[in-house]
Amino acid sequence: MMGRVPIGELAVVDEAKIDEMVLALLYLTTHQQHGQLRAWKGHDWAVLARLHAQGMILDPKSKAKSVALTDEGARRSRELFRRHFDDDEQ
């Protein structure tokens, strides 16, 4: 279930915003492998599971150190990265 949840010492965080930031950050490590756009999956497992449920990435549960992005996930990842981190977009 997505929403606002308590995390550690933080009062409340918005999981949708966390998911958006992680999807944006996945763009930093994207690379082509066997015709798939992949990204290193060194992020929180719960976030990766939510991104999988949203159809942004393929199932992250594997021995691979990277995860494949879906076409929609790749498009959104690039869009979000540009929105949040590209100086030209500011």
C-alpha atoms as a PDB file:
ATOM      1  CA  MET A   1       0.000   0.000   0.000  1.00  0.00           C
ATOM      2  CA  MET A   2       1.408   3.374  -1.034  1.00  0.00           C
ATOM      3  CA  GLY A   3       0.908   6.539   0.884  1.00  0.00           C
ATOM      4  CA  ARG A   4       2.398   8.466   3.708  1.00  0.00           C
ATOM      5  CA  VAL A   5       4.161   6.249   6.221  1.00  0.00           C
ATOM      6  CA  PRO A   6       6.387   6.788   9.270  1.00  0.00           C
ATOM      7  CA  ILE A   7      10.052   5.977   8.621  1.00  0.00           C
ATOM      8  CA  GLY A   8      12.580   5.796  11.460  1.00  0.00           C
ATOM      9  CA  GLU A   9      13.054   9.192  13.074  1.00  0.00           C
ATOM     10  CA  LEU A  10      11.293  10.998  10.223  1.00  0.00           C
ATOM     11  CA  ALA A  11       7.718  11.875  10.991  1.00  0.00           C
ATOM     12  CA  VAL A  12       6.180  10.806   7.678  1.00  0.00           C
ATOM     13  CA  VAL A  13       7.409  10.302   4.107  1.00  0.00           C
ATOM     14  CA  ASP A  14       5.459  10.147   0.882  1.00  0.00           C
ATOM     15  CA  GLU A  15       6.237   6.799  -0.799  1.00  0.00           C
ATOM     16  CA  ALA A  16       5.164   8.125  -4.209  1.00  0.00           C
ATOM     17  CA  LYS A  17       7.850  10.827  -3.997  1.00  0.00           C
ATOM     18  CA  ILE A  18      10.449   8.283  -2.866  1.00  0.00           C
ATOM     19  CA  ASP A  19       9.521   6.032  -5.810  1.00  0.00           C
ATOM     20  CA  GLU A  20       9.813   8.980  -8.192  1.00  0.00           C
ATOM     21  CA  MET A  21      13.279   9.893  -6.922  1.00  0.00           C
ATOM     22  CA  VAL A  22      14.541   6.309  -7.105  1.00  0.00           C
ATOM     23  CA  LEU A  23      13.205   5.951 -10.655  1.00  0.00           C
ATOM     24  CA  ALA A  24      14.980   9.212 -11.555  1.00  0.00           C
ATOM     25  CA  LEU A  25      18.217   7.994  -9.952  1.00  0.00           C
ATOM     26  CA  LEU A  26      18.052   4.677 -11.817  1.00  0.00           C
ATOM     27  CA  TYR A  27      18.713   6.737 -14.964  1.00  0.00           C
ATOM     28  CA  LEU A  28      22.230   7.511 -13.676  1.00  0.00           C
ATOM     29  CA  THR A  29      23.317   3.907 -14.072  1.00  0.00           C
ATOM     30  CA  THR A  30      21.366   2.850 -17.166  1.00  0.00           C
ATOM     31  CA  HIS A  31      23.170   0.790 -19.761  1.00  0.00           C
ATOM     32  CA  GLN A  32      22.189  -1.400 -22.698  1.00  0.00           C
ATOM     33  CA  GLN A  33      22.655  -5.135 -22.223  1.00  0.00           C
ATOM     34  CA  HIS A  34      21.316  -7.727 -24.648  1.00  0.00           C
ATOM     35  CA  GLY A  35      18.871  -5.230 -26.113  1.00  0.00           C
ATOM     36  CA  GLN A  36      17.478  -4.176 -22.724  1.00  0.00           C
ATOM     37  CA  LEU A  37      17.970  -0.937 -20.853  1.00  0.00           C
ATOM     38  CA  ARG A  38      19.178  -1.924 -17.410  1.00  0.00           C
ATOM     39  CA  ALA A  39      20.183  -0.037 -14.255  1.00  0.00           C
ATOM     40  CA  TRP A  40      22.092  -1.019 -11.138  1.00  0.00           C
ATOM     41  CA  LYS A  41      19.643  -1.989  -8.443  1.00  0.00           C
ATOM     42  CA  GLY A  42      21.409  -0.677  -5.351  1.00  0.00           C
ATOM     43  CA  HIS A  43      18.245   0.867  -3.918  1.00  0.00           C
ATOM     44  CA  ASP A  44      15.793  -0.077  -1.193  1.00  0.00           C
ATOM     45  CA  TRP A  45      14.101  -3.409  -1.997  1.00  0.00           C
ATOM     46  CA  ALA A  46      10.651  -2.157  -0.997  1.00  0.00           C
ATOM     47  CA  VAL A  47      10.939   0.723  -3.472  1.00  0.00           C
ATOM     48  CA  LEU A  48      12.104  -1.631  -6.241  1.00  0.00           C
ATOM     49  CA  ALA A  49       9.158  -3.911  -5.494  1.00  0.00           C
ATOM     50  CA  ARG A  50       6.759  -0.963  -5.810  1.00  0.00           C
ATOM     51  CA  LEU A  51       8.367   0.136  -9.092  1.00  0.00           C
ATOM     52  CA  HIS A  52       7.930  -3.428 -10.360  1.00  0.00           C
ATOM     53  CA  ALA A  53       4.264  -3.411  -9.296  1.00  0.00           C
ATOM     54  CA  GLN A  54       3.828  -0.113 -11.164  1.00  0.00           C
ATOM     55  CA  GLY A  55       5.289  -1.649 -14.332  1.00  0.00           C
ATOM     56  CA  MET A  56       8.397   0.559 -14.368  1.00  0.00           C
ATOM     57  CA  ILE A  57      10.937  -2.271 -13.993  1.00  0.00           C
ATOM     58  CA  LEU A  58      10.975  -6.012 -14.461  1.00  0.00           C
ATOM     59  CA  ASP A  59      11.110  -8.249 -11.383  1.00  0.00           C
ATOM     60  CA  PRO A  60      14.153  -7.180  -9.343  1.00  0.00           C
ATOM     61  CA  LYS A  61      14.347 -10.536  -7.536  1.00  0.00           C
ATOM     62  CA  SER A  62      17.312 -12.164  -9.247  1.00  0.00           C
ATOM     63  CA  LYS A  63      21.027 -12.705  -8.776  1.00  0.00           C
ATOM     64  CA  ALA A  64      21.729  -9.992 -11.367  1.00  0.00           C
ATOM     65  CA  LYS A  65      23.144  -6.752 -10.015  1.00  0.00           C
ATOM     66  CA  SER A  66      20.993  -4.762 -12.396  1.00  0.00           C
ATOM     67  CA  VAL A  67      17.308  -4.589 -13.228  1.00  0.00           C
ATOM     68  CA  ALA A  68      15.654  -4.127 -16.634  1.00  0.00           C
ATOM     69  CA  LEU A  69      13.477  -1.082 -17.153  1.00  0.00           C
ATOM     70  CA  THR A  70      10.271  -1.425 -19.127  1.00  0.00           C
ATOM     71  CA  ASP A  71       9.759   0.944 -22.063  1.00  0.00           C
ATOM     72  CA  GLU A  72       7.508   3.103 -19.866  1.00  0.00           C
ATOM     73  CA  GLY A  73       9.993   2.889 -16.989  1.00  0.00           C
ATOM     74  CA  ALA A  74      12.871   3.998 -19.218  1.00  0.00           C
ATOM     75  CA  ARG A  75      10.837   6.922 -20.548  1.00  0.00           C
ATOM     76  CA  ARG A  76       9.731   8.020 -17.056  1.00  0.00           C
ATOM     77  CA  SER A  77      13.217   7.525 -15.598  1.00  0.00           C
ATOM     78  CA  ARG A  78      14.762   9.852 -18.168  1.00  0.00           C
ATOM     79  CA  GLU A  79      11.933  12.378 -17.831  1.00  0.00           C
ATOM     80  CA  LEU A  80      12.181  12.454 -14.040  1.00  0.00           C
ATOM     81  CA  PHE A  81      15.977  12.685 -14.083  1.00  0.00           C
ATOM     82  CA  ARG A  82      15.810  15.659 -16.412  1.00  0.00           C
ATOM     83  CA  ARG A  83      13.077  17.323 -14.345  1.00  0.00           C
ATOM     84  CA  HIS A  84      14.911  16.986 -11.041  1.00  0.00           C
ATOM     85  CA  PHE A  85      18.605  17.102 -11.942  1.00  0.00           C
ATOM     86  CA  ASP A  86      19.179  18.737 -15.377  1.00  0.00           C
ATOM     87  CA  ASP A  87      20.353  22.353 -14.960  1.00  0.00           C
ATOM     88  CA  ASP A  88      18.830  23.242 -18.345  1.00  0.00           C
ATOM     89  CA  GLU A  89      15.397  22.215 -17.026  1.00  0.00           C
ATOM     90  CA  GLN A  90      15.596  24.542 -13.999  1.00  0.00           C
END
